[in-house]
Amino acid sequence: MSDLAHTPLRLTALVIAAIAIVPTAFLILRHLVTLRDPALGRRAQFMDVVWTVAPLVAVVGLLVASGLA
């Protein structure tokens, strides 16, 4: 399994993830921020922001972790 971790396929997958997934996640984040309901309370708006940003942070974290593995 360690041989698989050092193949060109791994590098290709990381490049595809960096080029396709991360920019797409930022576009989705930008779109979701515009969909927030201004009638919600401050706590609900804060939770909307948290649950909008958390998946993006997770995707970037997984990409970094797989690049360092």
PDB file of N, CA and C in Angstrom:
ATOM      1  N   MET A   1       0.813  -1.192   0.000  1.00  0.00           N
ATOM      2  CA  MET A   1       0.000   0.000   0.000  1.00  0.00           C
ATOM      3  C   MET A   1       0.860   1.260   0.000  1.00  0.00           C
ATOM      4  N   SER A   2       2.038   1.200   0.607  1.00  0.00           N
ATOM      5  CA  SER A   2       2.890   2.390   0.634  1.00  0.00           C
ATOM      6  C   SER A   2       3.408   2.726  -0.763  1.00  0.00           C
ATOM      7  N   ASP A   3       3.545   1.725  -1.637  1.00  0.00           N
ATOM      8  CA  ASP A   3       3.974   1.998  -3.003  1.00  0.00           C
ATOM      9  C   ASP A   3       2.922   2.809  -3.754  1.00  0.00           C
ATOM     10  N   LEU A   4       1.667   2.544  -3.471  1.00  0.00           N
ATOM     11  CA  LEU A   4       0.582   3.268  -4.124  1.00  0.00           C
ATOM     12  C   LEU A   4       0.591   4.744  -3.730  1.00  0.00           C
ATOM     13  N   ALA A   5       1.056   5.046  -2.527  1.00  0.00           N
ATOM     14  CA  ALA A   5       1.054   6.424  -2.040  1.00  0.00           C
ATOM     15  C   ALA A   5       2.078   7.297  -2.765  1.00  0.00           C
ATOM     16  N   HIS A   6       3.016   6.698  -3.456  1.00  0.00           N
ATOM     17  CA  HIS A   6       4.072   7.464  -4.112  1.00  0.00           C
ATOM     18  C   HIS A   6       4.016   7.334  -5.628  1.00  0.00           C
ATOM     19  N   THR A   7       2.840   7.148  -6.167  1.00  0.00           N
ATOM     20  CA  THR A   7       2.691   6.990  -7.603  1.00  0.00           C
ATOM     21  C   THR A   7       2.279   8.309  -8.246  1.00  0.00           C
ATOM     22  N   PRO A   8       2.458   8.419  -9.544  1.00  0.00           N
ATOM     23  CA  PRO A   8       1.980   9.612 -10.264  1.00  0.00           C
ATOM     24  C   PRO A   8       0.456   9.763 -10.177  1.00  0.00           C
ATOM     25  N   LEU A   9      -0.248   8.655  -9.959  1.00  0.00           N
ATOM     26  CA  LEU A   9      -1.699   8.714  -9.828  1.00  0.00           C
ATOM     27  C   LEU A   9      -2.097   9.562  -8.620  1.00  0.00           C
ATOM     28  N   ARG A  10      -1.345   9.447  -7.535  1.00  0.00           N
ATOM     29  CA  ARG A  10      -1.628  10.250  -6.340  1.00  0.00           C
ATOM     30  C   ARG A  10      -1.425  11.728  -6.643  1.00  0.00           C
ATOM     31  N   LEU A  11      -0.348  12.060  -7.307  1.00  0.00           N
ATOM     32  CA  LEU A  11      -0.083  13.448  -7.665  1.00  0.00           C
ATOM     33  C   LEU A  11      -1.171  13.988  -8.591  1.00  0.00           C
ATOM     34  N   THR A  12      -1.601  13.177  -9.536  1.00  0.00           N
ATOM     35  CA  THR A  12      -2.669  13.582 -10.444  1.00  0.00           C
ATOM     36  C   THR A  12      -3.964  13.844  -9.688  1.00  0.00           C
ATOM     37  N   ALA A  13      -4.298  12.975  -8.745  1.00  0.00           N
ATOM     38  CA  ALA A  13      -5.515  13.160  -7.961  1.00  0.00           C
ATOM     39  C   ALA A  13      -5.454  14.438  -7.127  1.00  0.00           C
ATOM     40  N   LEU A  14      -4.284  14.739  -6.554  1.00  0.00           N
ATOM     41  CA  LEU A  14      -4.141  15.963  -5.772  1.00  0.00           C
ATOM     42  C   LEU A  14      -4.275  17.208  -6.640  1.00  0.00           C
ATOM     43  N   VAL A  15      -3.714  17.167  -7.831  1.00  0.00           N
ATOM     44  CA  VAL A  15      -3.812  18.302  -8.741  1.00  0.00           C
ATOM     45  C   VAL A  15      -5.260  18.520  -9.174  1.00  0.00           C
ATOM     46  N   ILE A  16      -5.948  17.439  -9.503  1.00  0.00           N
ATOM     47  CA  ILE A  16      -7.358  17.551  -9.884  1.00  0.00           C
ATOM     48  C   ILE A  16      -8.176  18.119  -8.729  1.00  0.00           C
ATOM     49  N   ALA A  17      -7.908  17.652  -7.525  1.00  0.00           N
ATOM     50  CA  ALA A  17      -8.634  18.162  -6.360  1.00  0.00           C
ATOM     51  C   ALA A  17      -8.350  19.643  -6.151  1.00  0.00           C
ATOM     52  N   ALA A  18      -7.101  20.036  -6.283  1.00  0.00           N
ATOM     53  CA  ALA A  18      -6.747  21.437  -6.062  1.00  0.00           C
ATOM     54  C   ALA A  18      -7.340  22.347  -7.131  1.00  0.00           C
ATOM     55  N   ILE A  19      -7.393  21.868  -8.357  1.00  0.00           N
ATOM     56  CA  ILE A  19      -7.892  22.692  -9.462  1.00  0.00           C
ATOM     57  C   ILE A  19      -9.416  22.691  -9.540  1.00  0.00           C
ATOM     58  N   ALA A  20     -10.048  21.572  -9.251  1.00  0.00           N
ATOM     59  CA  ALA A  20     -11.491  21.465  -9.456  1.00  0.00           C
ATOM     60  C   ALA A  20     -12.313  21.615  -8.178  1.00  0.00           C
ATOM     61  N   ILE A  21     -11.954  20.903  -7.154  1.00  0.00           N
ATOM     62  CA  ILE A  21     -12.804  20.831  -5.977  1.00  0.00           C
ATOM     63  C   ILE A  21     -12.747  22.109  -5.141  1.00  0.00           C
ATOM     64  N   VAL A  22     -11.574  22.607  -4.859  1.00  0.00           N
ATOM     65  CA  VAL A  22     -11.451  23.768  -3.966  1.00  0.00           C
ATOM     66  C   VAL A  22     -12.080  25.022  -4.583  1.00  0.00           C
ATOM     67  N   PRO A  23     -11.801  25.388  -5.834  1.00  0.00           N
ATOM     68  CA  PRO A  23     -12.483  26.565  -6.399  1.00  0.00           C
ATOM     69  C   PRO A  23     -14.004  26.395  -6.473  1.00  0.00           C
ATOM     70  N   THR A  24     -14.452  25.192  -6.772  1.00  0.00           N
ATOM     71  CA  THR A  24     -15.885  24.940  -6.802  1.00  0.00           C
ATOM     72  C   THR A  24     -16.492  25.122  -5.424  1.00  0.00           C
ATOM     73  N   ALA A  25     -15.800  24.677  -4.398  1.00  0.00           N
ATOM     74  CA  ALA A  25     -16.293  24.847  -3.036  1.00  0.00           C
ATOM     75  C   ALA A  25     -16.397  26.327  -2.678  1.00  0.00           C
ATOM     76  N   PHE A  26     -15.430  27.135  -3.107  1.00  0.00           N
ATOM     77  CA  PHE A  26     -15.508  28.578  -2.844  1.00  0.00           C
ATOM     78  C   PHE A  26     -16.678  29.221  -3.581  1.00  0.00           C
ATOM     79  N   LEU A  27     -16.949  28.792  -4.810  1.00  0.00           N
ATOM     80  CA  LEU A  27     -18.102  29.313  -5.550  1.00  0.00           C
ATOM     81  C   LEU A  27     -19.410  28.942  -4.862  1.00  0.00           C
ATOM     82  N   ILE A  28     -19.492  27.719  -4.381  1.00  0.00           N
ATOM     83  CA  ILE A  28     -20.691  27.286  -3.656  1.00  0.00           C
ATOM     84  C   ILE A  28     -20.850  28.106  -2.383  1.00  0.00           C
ATOM     85  N   LEU A  29     -19.764  28.336  -1.675  1.00  0.00           N
ATOM     86  CA  LEU A  29     -19.799  29.141  -0.457  1.00  0.00           C
ATOM     87  C   LEU A  29     -20.310  30.545  -0.760  1.00  0.00           C
ATOM     88  N   ARG A  30     -19.802  31.147  -1.809  1.00  0.00           N
ATOM     89  CA  ARG A  30     -20.237  32.493  -2.181  1.00  0.00           C
ATOM     90  C   ARG A  30     -21.724  32.529  -2.495  1.00  0.00           C
ATOM     91  N   HIS A  31     -22.204  31.506  -3.174  1.00  0.00           N
ATOM     92  CA  HIS A  31     -23.625  31.435  -3.516  1.00  0.00           C
ATOM     93  C   HIS A  31     -24.481  31.218  -2.262  1.00  0.00           C
ATOM     94  N   LEU A  32     -24.045  30.355  -1.375  1.00  0.00           N
ATOM     95  CA  LEU A  32     -24.823  30.081  -0.165  1.00  0.00           C
ATOM     96  C   LEU A  32     -24.906  31.286   0.758  1.00  0.00           C
ATOM     97  N   VAL A  33     -23.879  32.099   0.786  1.00  0.00           N
ATOM     98  CA  VAL A  33     -23.908  33.300   1.632  1.00  0.00           C
ATOM     99  C   VAL A  33     -24.995  34.257   1.150  1.00  0.00           C
ATOM    100  N   THR A  34     -25.231  34.315  -0.148  1.00  0.00           N
ATOM    101  CA  THR A  34     -26.273  35.210  -0.665  1.00  0.00           C
ATOM    102  C   THR A  34     -27.669  34.684  -0.370  1.00  0.00           C
ATOM    103  N   LEU A  35     -27.796  33.406  -0.037  1.00  0.00           N
ATOM    104  CA  LEU A  35     -29.111  32.815   0.215  1.00  0.00           C
ATOM    105  C   LEU A  35     -29.565  32.923   1.669  1.00  0.00           C
ATOM    106  N   ARG A  36     -28.762  33.547   2.522  1.00  0.00           N
ATOM    107  CA  ARG A  36     -29.144  33.661   3.933  1.00  0.00           C
ATOM    108  C   ARG A  36     -30.401  34.492   4.090  1.00  0.00           C
ATOM    109  N   ASP A  37     -31.233  34.094   5.030  1.00  0.00           N
ATOM    110  CA  ASP A  37     -32.486  34.785   5.323  1.00  0.00           C
ATOM    111  C   ASP A  37     -32.222  35.919   6.316  1.00  0.00           C
ATOM    112  N   PRO A  38     -32.419  37.177   5.928  1.00  0.00           N
ATOM    113  CA  PRO A  38     -32.142  38.283   6.848  1.00  0.00           C
ATOM    114  C   PRO A  38     -33.119  38.339   8.028  1.00  0.00           C
ATOM    115  N   ALA A  39     -34.223  37.636   7.944  1.00  0.00           N
ATOM    116  CA  ALA A  39     -35.206  37.653   9.030  1.00  0.00           C
ATOM    117  C   ALA A  39     -34.791  36.753  10.201  1.00  0.00           C
ATOM    118  N   LEU A  40     -33.783  35.943  10.011  1.00  0.00           N
ATOM    119  CA  LEU A  40     -33.334  35.060  11.084  1.00  0.00           C
ATOM    120  C   LEU A  40     -32.631  35.858  12.173  1.00  0.00           C
ATOM    121  N   GLY A  41     -32.612  35.299  13.369  1.00  0.00           N
ATOM    122  CA  GLY A  41     -31.900  35.926  14.479  1.00  0.00           C
ATOM    123  C   GLY A  41     -30.399  35.815  14.307  1.00  0.00           C
ATOM    124  N   ARG A  42     -29.661  36.503  15.174  1.00  0.00           N
ATOM    125  CA  ARG A  42     -28.198  36.498  15.079  1.00  0.00           C
ATOM    126  C   ARG A  42     -27.619  35.101  15.265  1.00  0.00           C
ATOM    127  N   ARG A  43     -28.170  34.354  16.215  1.00  0.00           N
ATOM    128  CA  ARG A  43     -27.648  33.004  16.469  1.00  0.00           C
ATOM    129  C   ARG A  43     -27.884  32.105  15.261  1.00  0.00           C
ATOM    130  N   ALA A  44     -29.055  32.187  14.659  1.00  0.00           N
ATOM    131  CA  ALA A  44     -29.361  31.374  13.481  1.00  0.00           C
ATOM    132  C   ALA A  44     -28.486  31.767  12.297  1.00  0.00           C
ATOM    133  N   GLN A  45     -28.243  33.064  12.131  1.00  0.00           N
ATOM    134  CA  GLN A  45     -27.359  33.505  11.046  1.00  0.00           C
ATOM    135  C   GLN A  45     -25.933  33.016  11.283  1.00  0.00           C
ATOM    136  N   PHE A  46     -25.490  33.063  12.538  1.00  0.00           N
ATOM    137  CA  PHE A  46     -24.155  32.569  12.872  1.00  0.00           C
ATOM    138  C   PHE A  46     -24.042  31.076  12.565  1.00  0.00           C
ATOM    139  N   MET A  47     -25.073  30.305  12.927  1.00  0.00           N
ATOM    140  CA  MET A  47     -25.046  28.862  12.648  1.00  0.00           C
ATOM    141  C   MET A  47     -25.070  28.598  11.145  1.00  0.00           C
ATOM    142  N   ASP A  48     -25.778  29.432  10.375  1.00  0.00           N
ATOM    143  CA  ASP A  48     -25.750  29.296   8.918  1.00  0.00           C
ATOM    144  C   ASP A  48     -24.339  29.481   8.384  1.00  0.00           C
ATOM    145  N   VAL A  49     -23.643  30.482   8.898  1.00  0.00           N
ATOM    146  CA  VAL A  49     -22.276  30.732   8.455  1.00  0.00           C
ATOM    147  C   VAL A  49     -21.375  29.564   8.841  1.00  0.00           C
ATOM    148  N   VAL A  50     -21.523  29.072  10.062  1.00  0.00           N
ATOM    149  CA  VAL A  50     -20.690  27.951  10.520  1.00  0.00           C
ATOM    150  C   VAL A  50     -20.894  26.732   9.632  1.00  0.00           C
ATOM    151  N   TRP A  51     -22.153  26.371   9.366  1.00  0.00           N
ATOM    152  CA  TRP A  51     -22.417  25.166   8.585  1.00  0.00           C
ATOM    153  C   TRP A  51     -22.192  25.370   7.088  1.00  0.00           C
ATOM    154  N   THR A  52     -21.986  26.607   6.674  1.00  0.00           N
ATOM    155  CA  THR A  52     -21.600  26.869   5.290  1.00  0.00           C
ATOM    156  C   THR A  52     -20.089  26.780   5.140  1.00  0.00           C
ATOM    157  N   VAL A  53     -19.356  27.265   6.129  1.00  0.00           N
ATOM    158  CA  VAL A  53     -17.898  27.304   6.051  1.00  0.00           C
ATOM    159  C   VAL A  53     -17.267  25.975   6.475  1.00  0.00           C
ATOM    160  N   ALA A  54     -17.881  25.259   7.397  1.00  0.00           N
ATOM    161  CA  ALA A  54     -17.297  24.014   7.923  1.00  0.00           C
ATOM    162  C   ALA A  54     -16.976  22.992   6.824  1.00  0.00           C
ATOM    163  N   PRO A  55     -17.886  22.722   5.881  1.00  0.00           N
ATOM    164  CA  PRO A  55     -17.519  21.756   4.827  1.00  0.00           C
ATOM    165  C   PRO A  55     -16.353  22.220   3.958  1.00  0.00           C
ATOM    166  N   LEU A  56     -16.273  23.526   3.704  1.00  0.00           N
ATOM    167  CA  LEU A  56     -15.162  24.041   2.914  1.00  0.00           C
ATOM    168  C   LEU A  56     -13.840  23.853   3.644  1.00  0.00           C
ATOM    169  N   VAL A  57     -13.833  24.132   4.926  1.00  0.00           N
ATOM    170  CA  VAL A  57     -12.629  23.930   5.735  1.00  0.00           C
ATOM    171  C   VAL A  57     -12.256  22.446   5.759  1.00  0.00           C
ATOM    172  N   ALA A  58     -13.255  21.580   5.852  1.00  0.00           N
ATOM    173  CA  ALA A  58     -13.002  20.142   5.861  1.00  0.00           C
ATOM    174  C   ALA A  58     -12.391  19.679   4.538  1.00  0.00           C
ATOM    175  N   VAL A  59     -12.897  20.186   3.419  1.00  0.00           N
ATOM    176  CA  VAL A  59     -12.359  19.800   2.105  1.00  0.00           C
ATOM    177  C   VAL A  59     -10.903  20.238   1.969  1.00  0.00           C
ATOM    178  N   VAL A  60     -10.627  21.475   2.344  1.00  0.00           N
ATOM    179  CA  VAL A  60      -9.247  21.958   2.272  1.00  0.00           C
ATOM    180  C   VAL A  60      -8.344  21.163   3.212  1.00  0.00           C
ATOM    181  N   GLY A  61      -8.844  20.865   4.414  1.00  0.00           N
ATOM    182  CA  GLY A  61      -8.069  20.071   5.371  1.00  0.00           C
ATOM    183  C   GLY A  61      -7.769  18.680   4.860  1.00  0.00           C
ATOM    184  N   LEU A  62      -8.753  18.038   4.256  1.00  0.00           N
ATOM    185  CA  LEU A  62      -8.533  16.700   3.693  1.00  0.00           C
ATOM    186  C   LEU A  62      -7.536  16.749   2.530  1.00  0.00           C
ATOM    187  N   LEU A  63      -7.609  17.780   1.734  1.00  0.00           N
ATOM    188  CA  LEU A  63      -6.663  17.913   0.625  1.00  0.00           C
ATOM    189  C   LEU A  63      -5.244  18.090   1.158  1.00  0.00           C
ATOM    190  N   VAL A  64      -5.086  18.919   2.164  1.00  0.00           N
ATOM    191  CA  VAL A  64      -3.758  19.125   2.766  1.00  0.00           C
ATOM    192  C   VAL A  64      -3.259  17.838   3.418  1.00  0.00           C
ATOM    193  N   ALA A  65      -4.145  17.165   4.152  1.00  0.00           N
ATOM    194  CA  ALA A  65      -3.742  15.922   4.828  1.00  0.00           C
ATOM    195  C   ALA A  65      -3.327  14.844   3.829  1.00  0.00           C
ATOM    196  N   SER A  66      -4.052  14.743   2.724  1.00  0.00           N
ATOM    197  CA  SER A  66      -3.695  13.726   1.731  1.00  0.00           C
ATOM    198  C   SER A  66      -2.400  14.117   1.019  1.00  0.00           C
ATOM    199  N   GLY A  67      -2.141  15.396   0.892  1.00  0.00           N
ATOM    200  CA  GLY A  67      -0.887  15.826   0.274  1.00  0.00           C
ATOM    201  C   GLY A  67       0.315  15.563   1.163  1.00  0.00           C
ATOM    202  N   LEU A  68       0.113  15.608   2.466  1.00  0.00           N
ATOM    203  CA  LEU A  68       1.216  15.377   3.409  1.00  0.00           C
ATOM    204  C   LEU A  68       1.408  13.905   3.750  1.00  0.00           C
ATOM    205  N   ALA A  69       0.434  13.074   3.454  1.00  0.00           N
ATOM    206  CA  ALA A  69       0.512  11.651   3.828  1.00  0.00           C
ATOM    207  C   ALA A  69       1.532  10.917   3.003  1.00  0.00           C
TER     208      ALA A  69
END
